[in-house]
Amino acid sequence: MFYAFNWFLVFGLLALWSLAAWALHSITAWTVSNAGVLTTAGAGAAEGLRMPDWLAAWVPPEFAPALNSMVSTFAPAMEAVLEWAPTLAGGLSVVVWVIWAIGSVLLIFLGFGVTGLIAALRRRASMLAAPARGHGVAG
């Protein structure tokens, strides 16, 4: 039972880790693809910025004015990043999925480690229980 719970927990964490990596990748890819819109400083800068449909349902309406002021503040920095956008977009996927792979391997090793710990604790419990059973037997 403990083995099943251990691997259920490991695979659940692996699913959450994969979801987090996918979300980070999609948000950063969206940001890089909209870097041209983000650099147009001015009053209507956020109007050209289109949020993904899956994210729009989760964003409060007060976010648009905050985004507009943030865009106008960071416009010079975004222009510098825009020059590097093609290079960033190419390496972005590689970096995100390499980090995902490292985290996934660590989670699998954690699962094997906990499985080994469970096995060691079960062996220890059975060794401690065996002498106790042996004392109660009359010959």
Protein backbone atom coordinates (compact mmCIF):
# COMPACT_ATOMS: atom_id res chain seq x y z
CA MET A 1 0.00 0.00 0.00
CA PHE A 2 2.81 2.40 0.86
CA TYR A 3 4.52 1.66 -2.45
CA ALA A 4 1.37 2.56 -4.39
CA PHE A 5 0.89 5.76 -2.37
CA ASN A 6 4.55 6.68 -2.92
CA TRP A 7 4.36 6.30 -6.71
CA PHE A 8 0.94 7.97 -6.86
CA LEU A 9 2.49 10.95 -5.08
CA VAL A 10 5.58 10.94 -7.33
CA PHE A 11 3.51 10.80 -10.52
CA GLY A 12 1.22 13.53 -9.19
CA LEU A 13 4.23 15.75 -8.52
CA LEU A 14 5.57 14.88 -11.97
CA ALA A 15 2.27 15.95 -13.51
CA LEU A 16 2.35 19.26 -11.60
CA TRP A 17 5.98 19.78 -12.60
CA SER A 18 5.09 19.15 -16.25
CA LEU A 19 2.15 21.54 -16.04
CA ALA A 20 4.35 24.23 -14.51
CA ALA A 21 6.99 23.77 -17.23
CA TRP A 22 4.35 23.91 -19.96
CA ALA A 23 2.79 27.06 -18.46
CA LEU A 24 6.17 28.77 -18.10
CA HIS A 25 7.08 27.86 -21.67
CA SER A 26 3.77 29.06 -23.12
CA ILE A 27 3.81 32.34 -21.18
CA THR A 28 7.41 33.13 -22.09
CA ALA A 29 6.86 32.14 -25.73
CA TRP A 30 3.80 34.41 -25.80
CA THR A 31 5.85 37.24 -24.30
CA VAL A 32 8.63 36.82 -26.85
CA SER A 33 6.16 36.62 -29.73
CA ASN A 34 4.45 39.83 -28.55
CA ALA A 35 7.68 41.69 -27.85
CA GLY A 36 6.99 44.05 -30.78
CA VAL A 37 3.64 45.08 -29.31
CA LEU A 38 5.15 45.47 -25.85
CA THR A 39 7.76 47.94 -27.09
CA THR A 40 5.26 50.39 -28.60
CA ALA A 41 5.18 52.84 -25.72
CA GLY A 42 2.22 55.13 -25.44
CA ALA A 43 -1.32 55.37 -24.17
CA GLY A 44 -2.68 52.55 -26.31
CA ALA A 45 0.22 50.13 -25.92
CA ALA A 46 -1.81 47.52 -24.06
CA GLU A 47 -4.63 47.67 -26.61
CA GLY A 48 -2.48 45.90 -29.22
CA LEU A 49 -1.53 43.29 -26.68
CA ARG A 50 -3.78 40.27 -26.98
CA MET A 51 -3.90 37.89 -24.06
CA PRO A 52 -4.33 34.17 -24.79
CA ASP A 53 -7.95 33.04 -24.52
CA TRP A 54 -7.20 30.45 -21.84
CA LEU A 55 -5.55 33.13 -19.68
CA ALA A 56 -8.13 35.91 -20.22
CA ALA A 57 -10.72 34.15 -18.05
CA TRP A 58 -8.35 34.17 -15.08
CA VAL A 59 -7.13 37.78 -15.31
CA PRO A 60 -9.07 40.47 -13.45
CA PRO A 61 -10.28 43.51 -15.44
CA GLU A 62 -8.09 45.84 -13.34
CA PHE A 63 -5.03 44.19 -14.88
CA ALA A 64 -5.22 46.15 -18.17
CA PRO A 65 -4.38 49.61 -16.67
CA ALA A 66 -1.58 48.07 -14.61
CA LEU A 67 -0.24 46.37 -17.73
CA ASN A 68 -0.40 49.65 -19.64
CA SER A 69 1.67 51.50 -17.03
CA MET A 70 4.12 48.60 -16.80
CA VAL A 71 4.58 48.56 -20.57
CA SER A 72 5.29 52.28 -20.70
CA THR A 73 7.79 51.96 -17.85
CA PHE A 74 9.71 49.03 -19.33
CA ALA A 75 9.55 50.05 -23.01
CA PRO A 76 13.29 50.85 -23.35
CA ALA A 77 14.27 47.54 -21.78
CA MET A 78 11.81 45.70 -24.00
CA GLU A 79 13.30 47.33 -27.09
CA ALA A 80 16.70 45.94 -26.12
CA VAL A 81 15.17 42.50 -25.57
CA LEU A 82 13.37 42.72 -28.91
CA GLU A 83 16.72 42.79 -30.68
CA TRP A 84 17.51 39.44 -29.09
CA ALA A 85 14.01 37.96 -29.54
CA PRO A 86 14.83 35.53 -32.38
CA THR A 87 17.77 34.14 -30.42
CA LEU A 88 15.74 33.98 -27.22
CA ALA A 89 12.83 32.21 -28.91
CA GLY A 90 15.09 29.51 -30.30
CA GLY A 91 16.82 28.74 -27.02
CA LEU A 92 13.74 29.16 -24.86
CA SER A 93 12.25 25.76 -25.61
CA VAL A 94 15.55 24.00 -25.10
CA VAL A 95 16.19 25.65 -21.72
CA VAL A 96 12.68 25.06 -20.38
CA TRP A 97 12.56 21.40 -21.37
CA VAL A 98 16.10 20.67 -20.16
CA ILE A 99 15.13 22.08 -16.76
CA TRP A 100 11.93 20.02 -16.92
CA ALA A 101 13.93 16.86 -17.67
CA ILE A 102 16.33 17.48 -14.78
CA GLY A 103 13.41 18.01 -12.38
CA SER A 104 11.63 14.92 -13.69
CA VAL A 105 14.70 12.74 -13.21
CA LEU A 106 15.08 14.09 -9.67
CA LEU A 107 11.44 13.27 -8.92
CA ILE A 108 11.87 9.71 -10.23
CA PHE A 109 15.03 9.29 -8.11
CA LEU A 110 13.04 10.58 -5.13
CA GLY A 111 10.41 7.92 -5.83
CA PHE A 112 13.05 5.17 -5.92
CA GLY A 113 14.64 6.53 -2.75
CA VAL A 114 11.36 6.53 -0.87
CA THR A 115 10.63 3.01 -2.20
CA GLY A 116 13.99 1.87 -0.81
CA LEU A 117 13.23 3.56 2.50
CA ILE A 118 9.86 1.84 2.71
CA ALA A 119 11.49 -1.53 1.97
CA ALA A 120 14.17 -0.93 4.64
CA LEU A 121 11.57 0.07 7.23
CA ARG A 122 9.46 -3.01 6.43
CA ARG A 123 12.51 -5.28 6.78
CA ARG A 124 13.39 -3.65 10.07
CA ALA A 125 9.82 -4.00 11.35
CA SER A 126 9.73 -7.68 10.37
CA MET A 127 13.11 -8.31 12.08
CA LEU A 128 11.90 -6.64 15.26
CA ALA A 129 8.65 -8.57 15.18
CA ALA A 130 10.31 -11.98 14.56
CA PRO A 131 12.19 -12.26 17.91
CA ALA A 132 9.09 -11.09 19.78
CA ARG A 133 7.07 -13.91 18.18
CA GLY A 134 9.83 -16.41 18.98
CA HIS A 135 9.71 -15.69 22.74
CA GLY A 136 6.06 -16.54 23.06
CA VAL A 137 6.42 -20.04 21.56
CA ALA A 138 6.70 -22.87 24.08
CA GLY A 139 8.68 -25.92 23.04
